[in-house]
N, C-alpha and C. Protein backbone atom coordinates (compact mmCIF):
# COMPACT_ATOMS: atom_id res chain seq x y z
N UNK A 1 1.35 2.44 43.92
CA UNK A 1 1.18 3.34 42.82
C UNK A 1 1.43 4.75 43.30
N UNK A 2 2.11 5.56 42.50
CA UNK A 2 2.39 6.93 42.91
C UNK A 2 1.18 7.81 42.61
N UNK A 3 1.12 8.94 43.31
CA UNK A 3 0.05 9.90 43.06
C UNK A 3 0.13 10.46 41.64
N UNK A 4 1.36 10.55 41.09
CA UNK A 4 1.52 11.06 39.73
C UNK A 4 0.85 10.17 38.70
N UNK A 5 0.79 8.89 38.93
CA UNK A 5 0.24 7.96 37.95
C UNK A 5 -1.28 8.02 37.92
N UNK A 6 -1.92 8.36 39.00
CA UNK A 6 -3.37 8.36 39.04
C UNK A 6 -3.98 9.27 37.98
N UNK A 7 -3.55 10.53 37.83
CA UNK A 7 -4.12 11.35 36.75
C UNK A 7 -3.81 10.76 35.36
N UNK A 8 -2.67 10.11 35.22
CA UNK A 8 -2.32 9.50 33.95
C UNK A 8 -3.28 8.36 33.64
N UNK A 9 -3.57 7.53 34.63
CA UNK A 9 -4.51 6.45 34.40
C UNK A 9 -5.91 6.98 34.11
N UNK A 10 -6.28 8.05 34.78
CA UNK A 10 -7.59 8.65 34.50
C UNK A 10 -7.61 9.20 33.07
N UNK A 11 -6.51 9.80 32.62
CA UNK A 11 -6.44 10.28 31.24
C UNK A 11 -6.54 9.10 30.27
N UNK A 12 -5.90 8.00 30.62
CA UNK A 12 -5.98 6.79 29.79
C UNK A 12 -7.42 6.33 29.66
N UNK A 13 -8.12 6.26 30.80
CA UNK A 13 -9.50 5.80 30.76
C UNK A 13 -10.38 6.75 29.96
N UNK A 14 -10.16 8.06 30.11
CA UNK A 14 -10.92 9.02 29.32
C UNK A 14 -10.64 8.83 27.83
N UNK A 15 -9.37 8.63 27.48
CA UNK A 15 -8.99 8.42 26.09
C UNK A 15 -9.57 7.12 25.57
N UNK A 16 -9.50 6.07 26.38
CA UNK A 16 -9.99 4.76 25.96
C UNK A 16 -11.49 4.79 25.68
N UNK A 17 -12.21 5.63 26.39
CA UNK A 17 -13.66 5.71 26.17
C UNK A 17 -14.00 6.28 24.80
N UNK A 18 -13.04 6.94 24.14
CA UNK A 18 -13.25 7.47 22.81
C UNK A 18 -13.11 6.41 21.74
N UNK A 19 -12.54 5.29 22.10
CA UNK A 19 -12.15 4.28 21.10
C UNK A 19 -13.32 3.42 20.65
N UNK A 20 -13.14 2.88 19.47
CA UNK A 20 -14.07 1.90 18.95
C UNK A 20 -13.64 0.55 19.52
N UNK A 21 -14.41 0.00 20.43
CA UNK A 21 -14.00 -1.25 21.08
C UNK A 21 -14.78 -2.44 20.56
N UNK A 22 -15.31 -2.33 19.34
CA UNK A 22 -16.08 -3.44 18.79
C UNK A 22 -15.20 -4.60 18.37
N UNK A 23 -13.96 -4.34 17.95
CA UNK A 23 -13.06 -5.42 17.53
C UNK A 23 -12.53 -6.11 18.78
N UNK A 24 -13.01 -7.30 19.06
CA UNK A 24 -12.64 -8.01 20.28
C UNK A 24 -11.83 -9.25 19.97
N UNK A 25 -10.91 -9.57 20.83
CA UNK A 25 -10.15 -10.81 20.74
C UNK A 25 -11.05 -11.95 21.21
N UNK A 26 -10.81 -13.13 20.69
CA UNK A 26 -11.62 -14.28 21.09
C UNK A 26 -11.38 -14.64 22.56
N UNK A 27 -10.19 -14.36 23.06
CA UNK A 27 -9.85 -14.73 24.43
C UNK A 27 -9.65 -13.48 25.26
N UNK A 28 -10.33 -13.38 26.37
CA UNK A 28 -10.19 -12.24 27.27
C UNK A 28 -9.60 -12.71 28.59
N UNK A 29 -8.68 -11.93 29.12
CA UNK A 29 -8.14 -12.19 30.45
C UNK A 29 -8.95 -11.34 31.41
N UNK A 30 -9.64 -12.01 32.34
CA UNK A 30 -10.53 -11.30 33.26
C UNK A 30 -10.04 -11.29 34.70
N UNK A 31 -9.06 -12.13 34.99
CA UNK A 31 -8.58 -12.24 36.37
C UNK A 31 -7.12 -11.82 36.45
N UNK A 32 -6.71 -11.16 37.55
CA UNK A 32 -5.30 -10.86 37.72
C UNK A 32 -4.49 -12.15 37.75
N UNK A 33 -3.30 -12.10 37.20
CA UNK A 33 -2.46 -13.28 37.23
C UNK A 33 -1.32 -13.20 36.25
N UNK A 34 -0.58 -14.29 36.19
CA UNK A 34 0.53 -14.43 35.25
C UNK A 34 0.09 -15.47 34.24
N UNK A 35 0.11 -15.08 32.97
CA UNK A 35 -0.35 -15.95 31.89
C UNK A 35 0.81 -16.24 30.95
N UNK A 36 1.05 -17.51 30.68
CA UNK A 36 2.18 -17.91 29.84
C UNK A 36 1.77 -18.27 28.42
N UNK A 37 0.50 -18.22 28.13
CA UNK A 37 0.04 -18.65 26.81
C UNK A 37 -0.65 -17.54 26.02
N UNK A 38 -0.31 -16.29 26.28
CA UNK A 38 -0.89 -15.16 25.57
C UNK A 38 0.02 -14.80 24.40
N UNK A 39 -0.55 -14.76 23.22
CA UNK A 39 0.25 -14.41 22.04
C UNK A 39 0.61 -12.93 22.07
N UNK A 40 1.64 -12.57 21.34
CA UNK A 40 2.04 -11.17 21.25
C UNK A 40 0.91 -10.34 20.65
N UNK A 41 0.23 -10.88 19.65
CA UNK A 41 -0.88 -10.15 19.02
C UNK A 41 -2.00 -9.89 20.02
N UNK A 42 -2.35 -10.89 20.83
CA UNK A 42 -3.38 -10.68 21.84
C UNK A 42 -2.93 -9.69 22.90
N UNK A 43 -1.68 -9.80 23.34
CA UNK A 43 -1.17 -8.88 24.35
C UNK A 43 -1.25 -7.44 23.86
N UNK A 44 -0.82 -7.19 22.65
CA UNK A 44 -0.79 -5.83 22.12
C UNK A 44 -2.16 -5.35 21.65
N UNK A 45 -3.13 -6.24 21.66
CA UNK A 45 -4.48 -5.89 21.24
C UNK A 45 -5.42 -5.78 22.40
N UNK A 46 -6.64 -6.21 22.17
CA UNK A 46 -7.74 -6.07 23.12
C UNK A 46 -7.79 -7.29 24.04
N UNK A 47 -6.86 -7.37 24.97
CA UNK A 47 -6.67 -8.55 25.81
C UNK A 47 -7.72 -8.72 26.91
N UNK A 48 -8.19 -7.61 27.45
CA UNK A 48 -9.08 -7.64 28.61
C UNK A 48 -10.49 -7.18 28.24
N UNK A 49 -11.48 -7.44 29.11
CA UNK A 49 -12.84 -7.01 28.79
C UNK A 49 -12.99 -5.49 28.66
N UNK A 50 -12.15 -4.75 29.35
CA UNK A 50 -12.15 -3.30 29.24
C UNK A 50 -10.81 -2.85 28.70
N UNK A 51 -10.63 -1.55 28.50
CA UNK A 51 -9.33 -1.06 28.02
C UNK A 51 -8.21 -1.50 28.96
N UNK A 52 -7.07 -1.83 28.39
CA UNK A 52 -5.92 -2.25 29.21
C UNK A 52 -4.72 -1.39 28.87
N UNK A 53 -3.94 -1.08 29.88
CA UNK A 53 -2.78 -0.21 29.74
C UNK A 53 -1.51 -1.02 29.96
N UNK A 54 -0.64 -1.01 28.96
CA UNK A 54 0.64 -1.72 29.05
C UNK A 54 1.70 -0.78 29.63
N UNK A 55 2.84 -1.34 29.96
CA UNK A 55 3.93 -0.51 30.47
C UNK A 55 4.39 0.49 29.40
N UNK A 56 4.41 0.07 28.14
CA UNK A 56 4.79 0.99 27.05
C UNK A 56 3.75 2.09 26.91
N UNK A 57 2.49 1.73 27.02
CA UNK A 57 1.44 2.73 26.96
C UNK A 57 1.53 3.73 28.10
N UNK A 58 1.85 3.24 29.29
CA UNK A 58 2.01 4.14 30.44
C UNK A 58 3.17 5.11 30.20
N UNK A 59 4.28 4.61 29.63
CA UNK A 59 5.40 5.51 29.33
C UNK A 59 4.99 6.57 28.32
N UNK A 60 4.22 6.19 27.31
CA UNK A 60 3.76 7.17 26.33
C UNK A 60 2.88 8.22 26.98
N UNK A 61 1.99 7.81 27.87
CA UNK A 61 1.14 8.77 28.58
C UNK A 61 1.96 9.75 29.41
N UNK A 62 2.96 9.23 30.10
CA UNK A 62 3.77 10.08 30.98
C UNK A 62 4.72 10.96 30.19
N UNK A 63 5.39 10.39 29.18
CA UNK A 63 6.42 11.12 28.45
C UNK A 63 5.87 11.99 27.33
N UNK A 64 4.69 11.65 26.83
CA UNK A 64 4.12 12.42 25.72
C UNK A 64 2.77 12.98 26.13
N UNK A 65 1.68 12.30 25.78
CA UNK A 65 0.35 12.79 26.15
C UNK A 65 -0.69 11.72 25.83
N UNK A 66 -1.92 11.85 26.36
CA UNK A 66 -2.96 10.86 26.08
C UNK A 66 -3.27 10.70 24.59
N UNK A 67 -3.25 11.79 23.84
CA UNK A 67 -3.56 11.70 22.40
C UNK A 67 -2.51 10.86 21.67
N UNK A 68 -1.24 11.00 22.03
CA UNK A 68 -0.18 10.20 21.41
C UNK A 68 -0.36 8.72 21.75
N UNK A 69 -0.72 8.46 23.01
CA UNK A 69 -0.98 7.07 23.40
C UNK A 69 -2.12 6.48 22.56
N UNK A 70 -3.22 7.20 22.49
CA UNK A 70 -4.39 6.70 21.78
C UNK A 70 -4.07 6.48 20.30
N UNK A 71 -3.37 7.40 19.69
CA UNK A 71 -3.09 7.31 18.26
C UNK A 71 -2.34 6.02 17.91
N UNK A 72 -1.42 5.60 18.77
CA UNK A 72 -0.61 4.41 18.50
C UNK A 72 -1.13 3.16 19.20
N UNK A 73 -2.38 3.15 19.63
CA UNK A 73 -2.89 1.99 20.38
C UNK A 73 -3.98 1.24 19.62
N UNK A 74 -4.24 0.05 20.08
CA UNK A 74 -5.31 -0.76 19.52
C UNK A 74 -6.68 -0.11 19.71
N UNK A 75 -6.78 0.86 20.60
CA UNK A 75 -8.04 1.54 20.86
C UNK A 75 -8.45 2.47 19.72
N UNK A 76 -7.49 2.89 18.92
CA UNK A 76 -7.74 3.78 17.80
C UNK A 76 -8.18 2.95 16.60
N UNK A 77 -9.41 3.12 16.12
CA UNK A 77 -9.87 2.31 14.99
C UNK A 77 -9.07 2.57 13.71
N UNK A 78 -8.36 3.68 13.62
CA UNK A 78 -7.55 3.98 12.43
C UNK A 78 -6.10 3.50 12.57
N UNK A 79 -5.76 2.87 13.71
CA UNK A 79 -4.38 2.44 13.94
C UNK A 79 -4.00 1.32 12.98
N UNK A 80 -2.83 1.48 12.40
CA UNK A 80 -2.25 0.43 11.56
C UNK A 80 -0.79 0.32 11.94
N UNK A 81 -0.36 -0.83 12.47
CA UNK A 81 1.04 -0.97 12.85
C UNK A 81 1.95 -0.72 11.65
N UNK A 82 3.05 -0.06 11.90
CA UNK A 82 3.99 0.22 10.82
C UNK A 82 4.63 -1.09 10.35
N UNK A 83 4.58 -1.33 9.06
CA UNK A 83 5.24 -2.49 8.48
C UNK A 83 6.53 -2.00 7.83
N UNK A 84 7.64 -2.48 8.33
CA UNK A 84 8.93 -2.05 7.81
C UNK A 84 9.93 -3.16 8.08
N UNK A 85 10.72 -3.50 7.07
CA UNK A 85 11.65 -4.61 7.26
C UNK A 85 12.73 -4.31 8.28
N UNK A 86 12.87 -3.07 8.72
CA UNK A 86 13.85 -2.76 9.76
C UNK A 86 13.47 -3.42 11.10
N UNK A 87 12.18 -3.74 11.28
CA UNK A 87 11.73 -4.40 12.51
C UNK A 87 11.85 -5.92 12.42
N UNK A 88 11.88 -6.45 11.21
CA UNK A 88 11.78 -7.89 11.02
C UNK A 88 12.95 -8.68 11.61
N UNK A 89 14.16 -8.19 11.43
CA UNK A 89 15.32 -8.90 11.96
C UNK A 89 15.25 -9.01 13.48
N UNK A 90 14.91 -7.92 14.14
CA UNK A 90 14.80 -7.93 15.60
C UNK A 90 13.67 -8.83 16.09
N UNK A 91 12.54 -8.78 15.42
CA UNK A 91 11.42 -9.63 15.81
C UNK A 91 11.77 -11.10 15.61
N UNK A 92 12.43 -11.40 14.50
CA UNK A 92 12.83 -12.79 14.24
C UNK A 92 13.86 -13.25 15.27
N UNK A 93 14.82 -12.39 15.62
CA UNK A 93 15.83 -12.76 16.63
C UNK A 93 15.16 -12.98 17.99
N UNK A 94 14.25 -12.11 18.33
CA UNK A 94 13.50 -12.25 19.58
C UNK A 94 12.77 -13.58 19.60
N UNK A 95 12.12 -13.92 18.51
CA UNK A 95 11.38 -15.18 18.43
C UNK A 95 12.32 -16.37 18.53
N UNK A 96 13.43 -16.33 17.80
CA UNK A 96 14.37 -17.45 17.81
C UNK A 96 14.95 -17.69 19.20
N UNK A 97 15.20 -16.63 19.93
CA UNK A 97 15.81 -16.77 21.25
C UNK A 97 14.79 -17.06 22.35
N UNK A 98 13.70 -16.30 22.37
CA UNK A 98 12.78 -16.37 23.50
C UNK A 98 11.55 -17.25 23.27
N UNK A 99 11.18 -17.44 22.01
CA UNK A 99 9.99 -18.24 21.72
C UNK A 99 10.25 -19.16 20.52
N UNK A 100 11.31 -19.97 20.57
CA UNK A 100 11.66 -20.78 19.39
C UNK A 100 10.56 -21.74 18.96
N UNK A 101 9.71 -22.15 19.89
CA UNK A 101 8.61 -23.07 19.53
C UNK A 101 7.60 -22.41 18.60
N UNK A 102 7.58 -21.08 18.54
CA UNK A 102 6.62 -20.39 17.68
C UNK A 102 7.25 -19.91 16.37
N UNK A 103 8.52 -20.28 16.11
CA UNK A 103 9.23 -19.81 14.92
C UNK A 103 8.45 -20.09 13.63
N UNK A 104 8.01 -21.31 13.44
CA UNK A 104 7.35 -21.66 12.18
C UNK A 104 6.00 -20.96 12.02
N UNK A 105 5.38 -20.57 13.12
CA UNK A 105 4.11 -19.84 13.03
C UNK A 105 4.30 -18.34 12.83
N UNK A 106 5.45 -17.82 13.26
CA UNK A 106 5.63 -16.36 13.27
C UNK A 106 6.61 -15.83 12.23
N UNK A 107 7.38 -16.71 11.59
CA UNK A 107 8.40 -16.28 10.63
C UNK A 107 8.28 -17.11 9.36
N UNK A 108 8.42 -16.46 8.22
CA UNK A 108 8.47 -17.17 6.94
C UNK A 108 9.69 -16.69 6.16
N UNK A 109 10.33 -17.60 5.47
CA UNK A 109 11.53 -17.26 4.69
C UNK A 109 11.09 -16.88 3.28
N UNK A 110 11.52 -15.71 2.85
CA UNK A 110 11.27 -15.24 1.49
C UNK A 110 12.51 -15.60 0.68
N UNK A 111 12.36 -16.52 -0.24
CA UNK A 111 13.50 -17.01 -1.03
C UNK A 111 13.90 -15.97 -2.06
N UNK A 112 14.75 -15.05 -1.63
CA UNK A 112 15.25 -13.99 -2.51
C UNK A 112 16.54 -13.45 -1.90
N UNK A 113 17.32 -12.78 -2.73
CA UNK A 113 18.55 -12.13 -2.25
C UNK A 113 18.23 -10.86 -1.47
N UNK A 114 17.19 -10.15 -1.94
CA UNK A 114 16.79 -8.88 -1.34
C UNK A 114 15.34 -8.62 -1.75
N UNK A 115 14.85 -7.45 -1.42
CA UNK A 115 13.46 -7.12 -1.74
C UNK A 115 13.36 -6.18 -2.95
N UNK A 116 14.33 -6.25 -3.85
CA UNK A 116 14.32 -5.37 -5.01
C UNK A 116 13.39 -5.85 -6.12
N UNK A 117 13.10 -7.14 -6.16
CA UNK A 117 12.22 -7.64 -7.22
C UNK A 117 10.76 -7.55 -6.78
N UNK A 118 9.89 -7.46 -7.76
CA UNK A 118 8.46 -7.39 -7.48
C UNK A 118 7.99 -8.66 -6.75
N UNK A 119 8.50 -9.82 -7.16
CA UNK A 119 8.10 -11.08 -6.53
C UNK A 119 8.49 -11.10 -5.05
N UNK A 120 9.69 -10.64 -4.73
CA UNK A 120 10.14 -10.62 -3.34
C UNK A 120 9.32 -9.61 -2.53
N UNK A 121 9.03 -8.48 -3.11
CA UNK A 121 8.22 -7.48 -2.42
C UNK A 121 6.81 -8.01 -2.16
N UNK A 122 6.24 -8.72 -3.14
CA UNK A 122 4.90 -9.29 -2.96
C UNK A 122 4.90 -10.37 -1.88
N UNK A 123 5.94 -11.19 -1.85
CA UNK A 123 6.05 -12.23 -0.81
C UNK A 123 6.19 -11.60 0.57
N UNK A 124 7.00 -10.56 0.66
CA UNK A 124 7.17 -9.84 1.93
C UNK A 124 5.84 -9.24 2.39
N UNK A 125 5.16 -8.55 1.47
CA UNK A 125 3.90 -7.90 1.80
C UNK A 125 2.82 -8.92 2.18
N UNK A 126 2.81 -10.07 1.51
CA UNK A 126 1.85 -11.13 1.84
C UNK A 126 2.12 -11.67 3.24
N UNK A 127 3.38 -11.80 3.60
CA UNK A 127 3.72 -12.26 4.96
C UNK A 127 3.23 -11.25 5.99
N UNK A 128 3.53 -9.99 5.76
CA UNK A 128 3.05 -8.95 6.69
C UNK A 128 1.53 -8.99 6.81
N UNK A 129 0.84 -9.12 5.67
CA UNK A 129 -0.62 -9.16 5.68
C UNK A 129 -1.14 -10.36 6.47
N UNK A 130 -0.38 -11.45 6.47
CA UNK A 130 -0.76 -12.65 7.21
C UNK A 130 -0.35 -12.58 8.68
N UNK A 131 0.33 -11.50 9.05
CA UNK A 131 0.75 -11.34 10.45
C UNK A 131 2.00 -12.10 10.82
N UNK A 132 2.81 -12.46 9.82
CA UNK A 132 4.07 -13.14 10.10
C UNK A 132 5.24 -12.30 9.62
N UNK A 133 6.41 -12.61 10.12
CA UNK A 133 7.62 -11.86 9.79
C UNK A 133 8.26 -12.47 8.55
N UNK A 134 8.45 -11.66 7.51
CA UNK A 134 9.19 -12.16 6.34
C UNK A 134 10.68 -12.00 6.60
N UNK A 135 11.46 -12.98 6.20
CA UNK A 135 12.90 -12.94 6.45
C UNK A 135 13.63 -13.51 5.24
N UNK A 136 14.66 -12.82 4.84
CA UNK A 136 15.51 -13.32 3.75
C UNK A 136 16.41 -14.42 4.30
N UNK A 137 16.83 -15.37 3.45
CA UNK A 137 17.71 -16.46 3.92
C UNK A 137 18.97 -15.95 4.62
N UNK A 138 19.59 -14.89 4.09
CA UNK A 138 20.81 -14.37 4.73
C UNK A 138 20.52 -13.84 6.13
N UNK A 139 19.31 -13.31 6.34
CA UNK A 139 18.96 -12.80 7.66
C UNK A 139 18.60 -13.94 8.61
N UNK A 140 18.05 -15.03 8.07
CA UNK A 140 17.79 -16.20 8.91
C UNK A 140 19.11 -16.71 9.49
N UNK A 141 20.13 -16.80 8.63
CA UNK A 141 21.45 -17.25 9.10
C UNK A 141 21.99 -16.31 10.17
N UNK A 142 21.80 -15.02 9.98
CA UNK A 142 22.26 -14.03 10.95
C UNK A 142 21.52 -14.19 12.28
N UNK A 143 20.21 -14.39 12.23
CA UNK A 143 19.41 -14.55 13.44
C UNK A 143 19.88 -15.75 14.24
N UNK A 144 20.08 -16.88 13.57
CA UNK A 144 20.47 -18.08 14.31
C UNK A 144 21.92 -18.02 14.78
N UNK A 145 22.76 -17.27 14.08
CA UNK A 145 24.13 -17.06 14.58
C UNK A 145 24.10 -16.23 15.86
N UNK A 146 23.26 -15.20 15.90
CA UNK A 146 23.12 -14.39 17.11
C UNK A 146 22.60 -15.25 18.26
N UNK A 147 21.61 -16.08 17.97
CA UNK A 147 21.04 -16.95 19.00
C UNK A 147 22.11 -17.88 19.56
N UNK A 148 22.92 -18.48 18.70
CA UNK A 148 23.95 -19.42 19.15
C UNK A 148 24.99 -18.72 20.01
N UNK A 149 25.36 -17.49 19.65
CA UNK A 149 26.33 -16.75 20.45
C UNK A 149 25.76 -16.48 21.85
N UNK A 150 24.51 -16.06 21.91
CA UNK A 150 23.90 -15.78 23.21
C UNK A 150 23.77 -17.05 24.05
N UNK A 151 23.30 -18.11 23.45
CA UNK A 151 23.12 -19.35 24.20
C UNK A 151 24.46 -19.94 24.65
N UNK A 152 25.53 -19.65 23.93
CA UNK A 152 26.86 -20.15 24.31
C UNK A 152 27.40 -19.45 25.56
N UNK A 153 26.89 -18.26 25.85
CA UNK A 153 27.35 -17.53 27.03
C UNK A 153 26.80 -18.23 28.28
N UNK A 154 27.67 -18.55 29.27
CA UNK A 154 27.21 -19.35 30.42
C UNK A 154 26.08 -18.70 31.24
N UNK A 155 26.13 -17.40 31.42
CA UNK A 155 25.08 -16.75 32.21
C UNK A 155 23.77 -16.72 31.42
N UNK A 156 23.87 -16.36 30.15
CA UNK A 156 22.66 -16.32 29.32
C UNK A 156 22.05 -17.70 29.18
N UNK A 157 22.87 -18.70 28.97
CA UNK A 157 22.36 -20.07 28.83
C UNK A 157 21.59 -20.49 30.08
N UNK A 158 22.13 -20.16 31.25
CA UNK A 158 21.46 -20.53 32.50
C UNK A 158 20.14 -19.76 32.65
N UNK A 159 20.15 -18.48 32.29
CA UNK A 159 18.93 -17.68 32.41
C UNK A 159 17.82 -18.22 31.51
N UNK A 160 18.15 -18.56 30.27
CA UNK A 160 17.12 -19.06 29.36
C UNK A 160 16.71 -20.49 29.68
N UNK A 161 17.57 -21.24 30.31
CA UNK A 161 17.21 -22.61 30.68
C UNK A 161 16.22 -22.63 31.84
N UNK A 162 16.33 -21.65 32.74
CA UNK A 162 15.51 -21.66 33.95
C UNK A 162 14.31 -20.73 33.89
N UNK A 163 14.32 -19.77 33.01
CA UNK A 163 13.25 -18.78 32.98
C UNK A 163 12.15 -19.13 32.00
N UNK A 164 11.06 -18.42 32.12
CA UNK A 164 9.94 -18.55 31.17
C UNK A 164 9.86 -17.24 30.40
N UNK A 165 9.99 -17.32 29.09
CA UNK A 165 9.97 -16.12 28.26
C UNK A 165 8.54 -15.63 28.03
N UNK A 166 8.42 -14.33 27.97
CA UNK A 166 7.19 -13.67 27.57
C UNK A 166 5.96 -13.98 28.42
N UNK A 167 6.07 -14.04 29.74
CA UNK A 167 4.84 -14.17 30.52
C UNK A 167 4.06 -12.86 30.45
N UNK A 168 2.77 -12.94 30.52
CA UNK A 168 1.93 -11.74 30.53
C UNK A 168 1.37 -11.58 31.94
N UNK A 169 1.59 -10.42 32.52
CA UNK A 169 1.07 -10.09 33.85
C UNK A 169 -0.13 -9.18 33.67
N UNK A 170 -1.23 -9.50 34.32
CA UNK A 170 -2.43 -8.67 34.26
C UNK A 170 -2.91 -8.42 35.69
N UNK A 171 -3.28 -7.19 35.98
CA UNK A 171 -3.83 -6.84 37.27
C UNK A 171 -4.73 -5.63 37.10
N UNK A 172 -5.45 -5.26 38.15
CA UNK A 172 -6.37 -4.13 38.10
C UNK A 172 -5.85 -3.03 39.01
N UNK A 173 -5.94 -1.79 38.55
CA UNK A 173 -5.58 -0.65 39.36
C UNK A 173 -6.64 -0.46 40.45
N UNK A 174 -6.19 -0.28 41.68
CA UNK A 174 -7.13 -0.19 42.80
C UNK A 174 -8.02 1.06 42.73
N UNK A 175 -7.44 2.17 42.25
CA UNK A 175 -8.22 3.42 42.22
C UNK A 175 -9.16 3.52 41.04
N UNK A 176 -8.69 3.13 39.86
CA UNK A 176 -9.48 3.34 38.64
C UNK A 176 -10.15 2.08 38.13
N UNK A 177 -9.72 0.92 38.63
CA UNK A 177 -10.20 -0.39 38.18
C UNK A 177 -9.77 -0.70 36.74
N UNK A 178 -8.84 0.09 36.20
CA UNK A 178 -8.34 -0.17 34.84
C UNK A 178 -7.51 -1.44 34.83
N UNK A 179 -7.56 -2.14 33.72
CA UNK A 179 -6.69 -3.31 33.53
C UNK A 179 -5.29 -2.82 33.20
N UNK A 180 -4.29 -3.37 33.89
CA UNK A 180 -2.90 -3.05 33.62
C UNK A 180 -2.22 -4.34 33.20
N UNK A 181 -1.21 -4.21 32.33
CA UNK A 181 -0.54 -5.42 31.83
C UNK A 181 0.92 -5.12 31.55
N UNK A 182 1.72 -6.17 31.64
CA UNK A 182 3.14 -6.09 31.32
C UNK A 182 3.57 -7.42 30.71
N UNK A 183 4.59 -7.37 29.87
CA UNK A 183 5.08 -8.60 29.21
C UNK A 183 6.61 -8.53 29.15
N UNK A 184 7.27 -8.78 30.28
CA UNK A 184 8.73 -8.73 30.26
C UNK A 184 9.32 -9.90 29.48
N UNK A 185 10.47 -9.66 28.87
CA UNK A 185 11.15 -10.72 28.13
C UNK A 185 11.61 -11.79 29.08
């Protein structure tokens, strides 16, 4: 760890102490290690017994400031993830390629041409409220076409055949004892 990161981690811990930490996940990671069964929701939420800092959170601390990190984190009781269909196609493609076994749990098809009708908007909003990605049929076709193109590439096919997608790495900082985490694709 560099000397520059130590004040950043201390700022993180100071910021984290301001947070409402009553909302707890049912499963806590308490030991350093590589975990292959952590959901994206758990990873981005309250994964550890104490505040945990992700690689994205560390970048926000370094590139912006502790207040910006806290505002966009699970530690902020007023935080609400932005719901916008511009994210849905990418999330669905990521799921189809890297976590296809979770497709039916994480994605739902909204049977509509677009989101211009009230019924389609309500179905989309209900999916978001349930924590799943709403996807139009035309976008489902696009997602699986992208997946097929990637899997057809010999290098990509070999990488996905041999690798494990979305492992969660958890460890403790030696100086601050803060939980650190990363989730590489």
